[in-house]
N, C-alpha and C. Protein backbone atom coordinates (compact mmCIF):
# COMPACT_ATOMS: atom_id res chain seq x y z
N MET A 1 -0.48 -30.33 49.71
CA MET A 1 0.51 -29.68 48.86
C MET A 1 -0.05 -29.58 47.44
N ARG A 2 0.18 -28.45 46.81
CA ARG A 2 -0.29 -28.23 45.44
C ARG A 2 0.89 -28.25 44.48
N ILE A 3 0.60 -28.60 43.25
CA ILE A 3 1.64 -28.67 42.22
C ILE A 3 1.54 -27.42 41.35
N VAL A 4 2.67 -26.77 41.14
CA VAL A 4 2.74 -25.60 40.27
C VAL A 4 3.60 -25.98 39.07
N PRO A 5 3.05 -25.86 37.87
CA PRO A 5 3.84 -26.20 36.68
C PRO A 5 5.01 -25.23 36.49
N VAL A 6 6.09 -25.73 35.98
CA VAL A 6 7.26 -24.93 35.64
C VAL A 6 7.43 -25.04 34.12
N TYR A 7 7.52 -23.88 33.47
CA TYR A 7 7.58 -23.86 32.01
C TYR A 7 8.89 -23.26 31.52
N GLY A 8 9.29 -23.69 30.37
CA GLY A 8 10.36 -23.06 29.63
C GLY A 8 9.76 -22.50 28.35
N VAL A 9 10.34 -21.44 27.83
CA VAL A 9 9.84 -20.83 26.61
C VAL A 9 10.92 -20.97 25.55
N THR A 10 10.52 -21.45 24.37
CA THR A 10 11.47 -21.71 23.31
C THR A 10 10.99 -21.11 22.00
N LEU A 11 11.89 -20.52 21.27
CA LEU A 11 11.61 -20.04 19.93
C LEU A 11 12.07 -21.13 18.96
N VAL A 12 11.19 -21.54 18.06
CA VAL A 12 11.49 -22.65 17.15
C VAL A 12 11.45 -22.15 15.71
N ARG A 13 12.49 -22.45 14.94
CA ARG A 13 12.52 -22.08 13.53
C ARG A 13 11.70 -23.10 12.75
N ASP A 14 10.68 -22.61 12.03
CA ASP A 14 9.83 -23.48 11.22
C ASP A 14 10.44 -23.76 9.85
N SER A 15 10.96 -22.70 9.24
CA SER A 15 11.52 -22.83 7.89
C SER A 15 12.33 -21.56 7.61
N SER A 16 12.72 -21.37 6.37
CA SER A 16 13.40 -20.15 5.96
C SER A 16 13.06 -19.87 4.50
N ILE A 17 13.28 -18.64 4.08
CA ILE A 17 13.08 -18.27 2.68
C ILE A 17 14.35 -17.58 2.18
N LYS A 18 14.58 -17.65 0.88
CA LYS A 18 15.72 -16.98 0.28
C LYS A 18 15.27 -15.63 -0.26
N VAL A 19 16.02 -14.59 0.09
CA VAL A 19 15.74 -13.24 -0.41
C VAL A 19 17.06 -12.61 -0.84
N ALA A 20 16.96 -11.63 -1.72
CA ALA A 20 18.17 -10.96 -2.21
C ALA A 20 18.82 -10.12 -1.12
N ASP A 21 17.99 -9.52 -0.26
CA ASP A 21 18.51 -8.61 0.77
C ASP A 21 17.65 -8.73 2.01
N ARG A 22 18.25 -8.80 3.18
CA ARG A 22 17.52 -8.90 4.44
C ARG A 22 17.20 -7.54 5.05
N SER A 23 17.45 -6.48 4.33
CA SER A 23 17.27 -5.14 4.85
C SER A 23 15.80 -4.76 4.91
N ALA A 24 15.44 -4.05 5.97
CA ALA A 24 14.08 -3.50 6.11
C ALA A 24 14.14 -1.99 5.99
N ASP A 25 15.15 -1.47 5.28
CA ASP A 25 15.36 -0.03 5.17
C ASP A 25 14.35 0.68 4.28
N SER A 26 13.71 -0.06 3.37
CA SER A 26 12.76 0.59 2.47
C SER A 26 11.52 -0.28 2.31
N PRO A 27 10.37 0.34 2.05
CA PRO A 27 9.17 -0.45 1.80
C PRO A 27 9.32 -1.41 0.63
N VAL A 28 10.04 -1.00 -0.40
CA VAL A 28 10.22 -1.87 -1.57
C VAL A 28 10.93 -3.16 -1.17
N ALA A 29 11.96 -3.06 -0.33
CA ALA A 29 12.67 -4.26 0.14
C ALA A 29 11.76 -5.14 0.97
N VAL A 30 10.93 -4.54 1.81
CA VAL A 30 10.01 -5.31 2.64
C VAL A 30 8.95 -5.98 1.78
N VAL A 31 8.46 -5.28 0.77
CA VAL A 31 7.46 -5.85 -0.14
C VAL A 31 8.00 -7.11 -0.80
N GLU A 32 9.26 -7.06 -1.24
CA GLU A 32 9.88 -8.23 -1.88
C GLU A 32 9.89 -9.43 -0.91
N ILE A 33 10.23 -9.17 0.32
CA ILE A 33 10.28 -10.24 1.32
C ILE A 33 8.88 -10.75 1.64
N LEU A 34 7.92 -9.83 1.79
CA LEU A 34 6.54 -10.25 2.04
C LEU A 34 6.00 -11.12 0.90
N ARG A 35 6.26 -10.70 -0.32
CA ARG A 35 5.79 -11.48 -1.48
C ARG A 35 6.45 -12.86 -1.51
N ALA A 36 7.73 -12.92 -1.15
CA ALA A 36 8.43 -14.21 -1.11
C ALA A 36 7.85 -15.11 -0.03
N HIS A 37 7.46 -14.52 1.09
CA HIS A 37 6.94 -15.31 2.21
C HIS A 37 5.47 -15.69 2.02
N ILE A 38 4.64 -14.73 1.63
CA ILE A 38 3.20 -14.98 1.52
C ILE A 38 2.85 -15.65 0.20
N GLY A 39 3.47 -15.19 -0.87
CA GLY A 39 3.12 -15.73 -2.19
C GLY A 39 1.79 -15.19 -2.66
N ASN A 40 1.15 -15.93 -3.52
CA ASN A 40 -0.14 -15.54 -4.09
C ASN A 40 -1.22 -16.39 -3.42
N VAL A 41 -1.79 -15.88 -2.35
CA VAL A 41 -2.76 -16.65 -1.57
C VAL A 41 -4.14 -16.00 -1.68
N ASP A 42 -5.16 -16.77 -1.35
CA ASP A 42 -6.53 -16.29 -1.49
C ASP A 42 -7.15 -15.77 -0.19
N ARG A 43 -6.35 -15.72 0.87
CA ARG A 43 -6.82 -15.19 2.15
C ARG A 43 -5.79 -14.22 2.69
N GLU A 44 -6.24 -13.33 3.59
CA GLU A 44 -5.30 -12.39 4.20
C GLU A 44 -4.34 -13.12 5.12
N HIS A 45 -3.06 -12.80 4.99
CA HIS A 45 -2.02 -13.28 5.88
C HIS A 45 -1.39 -12.05 6.53
N PHE A 46 -1.38 -12.01 7.85
CA PHE A 46 -0.78 -10.91 8.59
C PHE A 46 0.56 -11.39 9.12
N VAL A 47 1.62 -10.67 8.79
CA VAL A 47 2.99 -11.11 9.04
C VAL A 47 3.75 -10.06 9.84
N ALA A 48 4.61 -10.52 10.73
CA ALA A 48 5.53 -9.64 11.46
C ALA A 48 6.95 -9.96 11.03
N LEU A 49 7.70 -8.94 10.68
CA LEU A 49 9.11 -9.09 10.35
C LEU A 49 9.90 -8.43 11.48
N PHE A 50 10.77 -9.17 12.10
CA PHE A 50 11.52 -8.70 13.25
C PHE A 50 12.90 -8.25 12.80
N VAL A 51 13.30 -7.07 13.24
CA VAL A 51 14.58 -6.52 12.79
C VAL A 51 15.50 -6.24 13.97
N ASN A 52 16.79 -6.27 13.68
CA ASN A 52 17.79 -5.94 14.69
C ASN A 52 18.05 -4.43 14.67
N ALA A 53 19.02 -3.99 15.41
CA ALA A 53 19.32 -2.56 15.52
C ALA A 53 19.85 -1.96 14.21
N ARG A 54 20.29 -2.81 13.28
CA ARG A 54 20.78 -2.34 11.97
C ARG A 54 19.73 -2.47 10.87
N ASN A 55 18.48 -2.68 11.27
CA ASN A 55 17.35 -2.85 10.34
C ASN A 55 17.50 -4.06 9.43
N GLN A 56 18.19 -5.07 9.90
CA GLN A 56 18.28 -6.33 9.18
C GLN A 56 17.21 -7.27 9.72
N ILE A 57 16.48 -7.90 8.83
CA ILE A 57 15.42 -8.81 9.26
C ILE A 57 16.06 -10.06 9.84
N ILE A 58 15.68 -10.37 11.08
CA ILE A 58 16.24 -11.53 11.78
C ILE A 58 15.21 -12.64 11.94
N GLY A 59 13.98 -12.39 11.51
CA GLY A 59 12.96 -13.43 11.59
C GLY A 59 11.62 -12.93 11.08
N ILE A 60 10.80 -13.89 10.70
CA ILE A 60 9.45 -13.61 10.19
C ILE A 60 8.48 -14.54 10.90
N ASN A 61 7.31 -14.02 11.23
CA ASN A 61 6.27 -14.83 11.85
C ASN A 61 4.93 -14.51 11.21
N THR A 62 4.24 -15.54 10.74
CA THR A 62 2.87 -15.36 10.27
C THR A 62 1.98 -15.33 11.49
N VAL A 63 1.44 -14.18 11.77
CA VAL A 63 0.67 -13.95 12.98
C VAL A 63 -0.74 -14.49 12.84
N SER A 64 -1.31 -14.32 11.66
CA SER A 64 -2.71 -14.66 11.47
C SER A 64 -2.98 -14.97 10.01
N VAL A 65 -3.80 -15.98 9.78
CA VAL A 65 -4.35 -16.24 8.45
C VAL A 65 -5.84 -16.05 8.59
N GLY A 66 -6.37 -15.11 7.83
CA GLY A 66 -7.77 -14.75 7.98
C GLY A 66 -8.63 -15.25 6.84
N THR A 67 -9.59 -14.40 6.50
CA THR A 67 -10.52 -14.71 5.43
C THR A 67 -10.14 -13.91 4.19
N LEU A 68 -11.03 -13.90 3.24
CA LEU A 68 -10.79 -13.16 2.01
C LEU A 68 -10.57 -11.67 2.29
N SER A 69 -11.22 -11.15 3.33
CA SER A 69 -11.18 -9.70 3.54
C SER A 69 -10.81 -9.26 4.96
N ALA A 70 -10.38 -10.18 5.82
CA ALA A 70 -10.05 -9.79 7.19
C ALA A 70 -9.12 -10.81 7.84
N SER A 71 -8.35 -10.32 8.81
CA SER A 71 -7.58 -11.22 9.66
C SER A 71 -7.54 -10.61 11.06
N LEU A 72 -7.53 -11.47 12.07
CA LEU A 72 -7.52 -11.02 13.45
C LEU A 72 -6.09 -10.87 13.93
N VAL A 73 -5.81 -9.74 14.57
CA VAL A 73 -4.46 -9.47 15.06
C VAL A 73 -4.57 -8.85 16.44
N HIS A 74 -3.78 -9.38 17.37
CA HIS A 74 -3.73 -8.82 18.72
C HIS A 74 -2.27 -8.51 19.03
N PRO A 75 -2.01 -7.43 19.76
CA PRO A 75 -0.62 -7.07 20.05
C PRO A 75 0.21 -8.20 20.66
N ARG A 76 -0.37 -9.02 21.51
CA ARG A 76 0.43 -10.08 22.13
C ARG A 76 0.95 -11.07 21.10
N GLU A 77 0.21 -11.26 20.00
CA GLU A 77 0.65 -12.20 18.96
C GLU A 77 1.79 -11.63 18.13
N ILE A 78 1.91 -10.32 18.11
CA ILE A 78 3.05 -9.67 17.44
C ILE A 78 4.26 -9.67 18.35
N TYR A 79 4.05 -9.31 19.61
CA TYR A 79 5.16 -9.03 20.51
C TYR A 79 5.72 -10.23 21.25
N LYS A 80 4.96 -11.30 21.36
CA LYS A 80 5.50 -12.51 22.00
C LYS A 80 6.74 -13.01 21.24
N PRO A 81 6.65 -13.26 19.92
CA PRO A 81 7.86 -13.68 19.21
C PRO A 81 8.90 -12.58 19.10
N ALA A 82 8.46 -11.31 19.05
CA ALA A 82 9.43 -10.20 18.98
C ALA A 82 10.34 -10.20 20.20
N ILE A 83 9.76 -10.43 21.35
CA ILE A 83 10.54 -10.48 22.59
C ILE A 83 11.46 -11.71 22.60
N LEU A 84 10.93 -12.84 22.19
CA LEU A 84 11.74 -14.07 22.19
C LEU A 84 12.94 -13.99 21.25
N ILE A 85 12.77 -13.31 20.12
CA ILE A 85 13.87 -13.21 19.15
C ILE A 85 14.77 -12.01 19.44
N SER A 86 14.44 -11.24 20.47
CA SER A 86 15.19 -10.03 20.85
C SER A 86 15.20 -8.99 19.75
N ALA A 87 14.04 -8.75 19.16
CA ALA A 87 13.93 -7.76 18.09
C ALA A 87 14.08 -6.35 18.62
N ALA A 88 14.74 -5.51 17.84
CA ALA A 88 14.86 -4.10 18.18
C ALA A 88 13.62 -3.34 17.71
N ALA A 89 12.99 -3.85 16.64
CA ALA A 89 11.80 -3.22 16.08
C ALA A 89 11.05 -4.25 15.24
N VAL A 90 9.88 -3.85 14.77
CA VAL A 90 9.02 -4.74 13.99
C VAL A 90 8.48 -3.99 12.79
N VAL A 91 8.41 -4.69 11.67
CA VAL A 91 7.67 -4.22 10.50
C VAL A 91 6.53 -5.19 10.32
N ILE A 92 5.32 -4.67 10.21
CA ILE A 92 4.17 -5.55 10.01
C ILE A 92 3.68 -5.41 8.59
N GLY A 93 3.05 -6.46 8.11
CA GLY A 93 2.52 -6.41 6.75
C GLY A 93 1.44 -7.44 6.55
N HIS A 94 0.59 -7.16 5.61
CA HIS A 94 -0.40 -8.15 5.22
C HIS A 94 -0.79 -7.93 3.77
N ASN A 95 -1.47 -8.90 3.23
CA ASN A 95 -1.91 -8.83 1.85
C ASN A 95 -3.40 -8.56 1.78
N HIS A 96 -3.82 -7.97 0.68
CA HIS A 96 -5.23 -7.85 0.35
C HIS A 96 -5.46 -8.68 -0.91
N PRO A 97 -6.07 -9.86 -0.77
CA PRO A 97 -6.29 -10.71 -1.95
C PRO A 97 -7.08 -10.04 -3.06
N SER A 98 -7.86 -9.02 -2.71
CA SER A 98 -8.64 -8.29 -3.73
C SER A 98 -7.73 -7.55 -4.71
N GLY A 99 -6.49 -7.29 -4.30
CA GLY A 99 -5.56 -6.53 -5.13
C GLY A 99 -5.53 -5.06 -4.77
N ASP A 100 -6.52 -4.56 -4.03
CA ASP A 100 -6.57 -3.16 -3.62
C ASP A 100 -5.73 -2.98 -2.37
N GLN A 101 -4.62 -2.27 -2.49
CA GLN A 101 -3.70 -2.15 -1.36
C GLN A 101 -4.05 -1.01 -0.41
N GLN A 102 -5.11 -0.26 -0.65
CA GLN A 102 -5.48 0.84 0.24
C GLN A 102 -5.93 0.30 1.60
N PRO A 103 -5.52 0.95 2.69
CA PRO A 103 -5.88 0.45 4.02
C PRO A 103 -7.35 0.69 4.35
N SER A 104 -7.93 -0.28 5.02
CA SER A 104 -9.30 -0.15 5.50
C SER A 104 -9.28 0.60 6.83
N ALA A 105 -10.45 0.96 7.33
CA ALA A 105 -10.54 1.59 8.65
C ALA A 105 -10.00 0.64 9.71
N GLU A 106 -10.26 -0.65 9.57
CA GLU A 106 -9.75 -1.65 10.52
C GLU A 106 -8.23 -1.75 10.45
N ASP A 107 -7.66 -1.66 9.24
CA ASP A 107 -6.20 -1.66 9.09
C ASP A 107 -5.59 -0.49 9.86
N LYS A 108 -6.20 0.67 9.74
CA LYS A 108 -5.69 1.87 10.43
C LYS A 108 -5.81 1.73 11.95
N ALA A 109 -6.94 1.20 12.41
CA ALA A 109 -7.15 1.02 13.86
C ALA A 109 -6.17 0.00 14.42
N THR A 110 -5.98 -1.10 13.70
CA THR A 110 -5.03 -2.14 14.14
C THR A 110 -3.63 -1.58 14.22
N THR A 111 -3.23 -0.79 13.23
CA THR A 111 -1.90 -0.19 13.22
C THR A 111 -1.71 0.72 14.43
N ARG A 112 -2.70 1.57 14.71
CA ARG A 112 -2.61 2.46 15.89
C ARG A 112 -2.43 1.65 17.17
N ARG A 113 -3.22 0.58 17.33
CA ARG A 113 -3.14 -0.25 18.53
C ARG A 113 -1.77 -0.92 18.66
N LEU A 114 -1.23 -1.41 17.56
CA LEU A 114 0.08 -2.07 17.59
C LEU A 114 1.21 -1.07 17.84
N VAL A 115 1.09 0.13 17.30
CA VAL A 115 2.09 1.18 17.55
C VAL A 115 2.10 1.54 19.04
N GLN A 116 0.92 1.67 19.63
CA GLN A 116 0.84 1.99 21.07
C GLN A 116 1.47 0.88 21.91
N ALA A 117 1.20 -0.36 21.58
CA ALA A 117 1.80 -1.49 22.31
C ALA A 117 3.32 -1.47 22.17
N GLY A 118 3.79 -1.19 20.96
CA GLY A 118 5.23 -1.13 20.73
C GLY A 118 5.91 -0.02 21.51
N GLN A 119 5.24 1.11 21.64
CA GLN A 119 5.79 2.20 22.44
C GLN A 119 5.90 1.79 23.90
N LEU A 120 4.90 1.11 24.40
CA LEU A 120 4.91 0.65 25.78
C LEU A 120 6.04 -0.35 26.03
N LEU A 121 6.27 -1.25 25.08
CA LEU A 121 7.27 -2.30 25.23
C LEU A 121 8.68 -1.86 24.81
N GLY A 122 8.80 -0.74 24.13
CA GLY A 122 10.11 -0.30 23.65
C GLY A 122 10.56 -1.06 22.41
N ILE A 123 9.60 -1.61 21.67
CA ILE A 123 9.88 -2.31 20.41
C ILE A 123 8.98 -1.66 19.36
N PRO A 124 9.47 -0.62 18.69
CA PRO A 124 8.61 0.16 17.80
C PRO A 124 8.20 -0.58 16.53
N ILE A 125 7.05 -0.17 16.01
CA ILE A 125 6.62 -0.59 14.68
C ILE A 125 7.24 0.41 13.71
N LEU A 126 8.08 -0.07 12.79
CA LEU A 126 8.74 0.81 11.83
C LEU A 126 7.84 1.14 10.65
N ASP A 127 7.00 0.20 10.24
CA ASP A 127 6.11 0.42 9.11
C ASP A 127 5.05 -0.67 9.10
N HIS A 128 3.97 -0.40 8.40
CA HIS A 128 2.94 -1.39 8.11
C HIS A 128 2.76 -1.34 6.60
N ILE A 129 3.03 -2.45 5.96
CA ILE A 129 2.96 -2.56 4.51
C ILE A 129 1.77 -3.42 4.13
N ILE A 130 0.96 -2.93 3.19
CA ILE A 130 -0.14 -3.73 2.65
C ILE A 130 0.22 -4.02 1.20
N ILE A 131 0.19 -5.30 0.83
CA ILE A 131 0.48 -5.65 -0.55
C ILE A 131 -0.80 -6.08 -1.25
N GLY A 132 -0.92 -5.62 -2.47
CA GLY A 132 -2.02 -5.97 -3.37
C GLY A 132 -1.43 -5.97 -4.76
N GLU A 133 -2.09 -5.28 -5.69
CA GLU A 133 -1.49 -5.13 -7.02
C GLU A 133 -0.19 -4.35 -6.93
N GLY A 134 -0.15 -3.39 -6.03
CA GLY A 134 1.05 -2.63 -5.70
C GLY A 134 1.29 -2.79 -4.21
N TYR A 135 1.66 -1.70 -3.56
CA TYR A 135 1.81 -1.76 -2.10
C TYR A 135 1.42 -0.42 -1.50
N PHE A 136 1.13 -0.44 -0.21
CA PHE A 136 0.84 0.77 0.56
C PHE A 136 1.72 0.73 1.80
N SER A 137 2.45 1.81 2.06
CA SER A 137 3.29 1.94 3.24
C SER A 137 2.70 3.00 4.15
N PHE A 138 2.39 2.62 5.38
CA PHE A 138 1.89 3.58 6.37
C PHE A 138 2.93 4.67 6.61
N ARG A 139 4.21 4.29 6.65
CA ARG A 139 5.28 5.28 6.92
C ARG A 139 5.39 6.26 5.75
N GLU A 140 5.46 5.76 4.54
CA GLU A 140 5.57 6.63 3.36
C GLU A 140 4.37 7.57 3.23
N SER A 141 3.21 7.10 3.67
CA SER A 141 1.98 7.88 3.55
C SER A 141 1.76 8.82 4.72
N GLY A 142 2.67 8.83 5.69
CA GLY A 142 2.55 9.73 6.81
C GLY A 142 1.56 9.28 7.88
N LEU A 143 1.11 8.03 7.81
CA LEU A 143 0.15 7.52 8.79
C LEU A 143 0.85 6.83 9.97
N LEU A 144 2.15 6.82 9.96
CA LEU A 144 2.90 6.16 11.04
C LEU A 144 4.01 7.09 11.51
């Protein structure tokens, strides 16, 4: 006889942050939340913000902490917590410690891959925000 493990899956709250508004309706609102969550760090942090059907942020997950100029992101790391929290959609964001908020070729490729995964799962990516000295919104720029 062989033993087969039985697992349970649990979503655990690590902490919380205070923000003026939980809305993900505009890039400016998301930037405020990203800055509150990431702060002023010296490495790239890739973050997923999970929203309900009313575009209210219901949770945040730091997906990856990278180097000065890169972070690794895979769709499963975005969508595993999105499914557990029952997100209707996702807004992704990361910082550029250099201060230059323009997307790199890798940023664009990662966004395309995550959008495709979201379409398959029925949990769309609403926007990808890059924060630096200012911010860059893929949606506002027509890249999403």
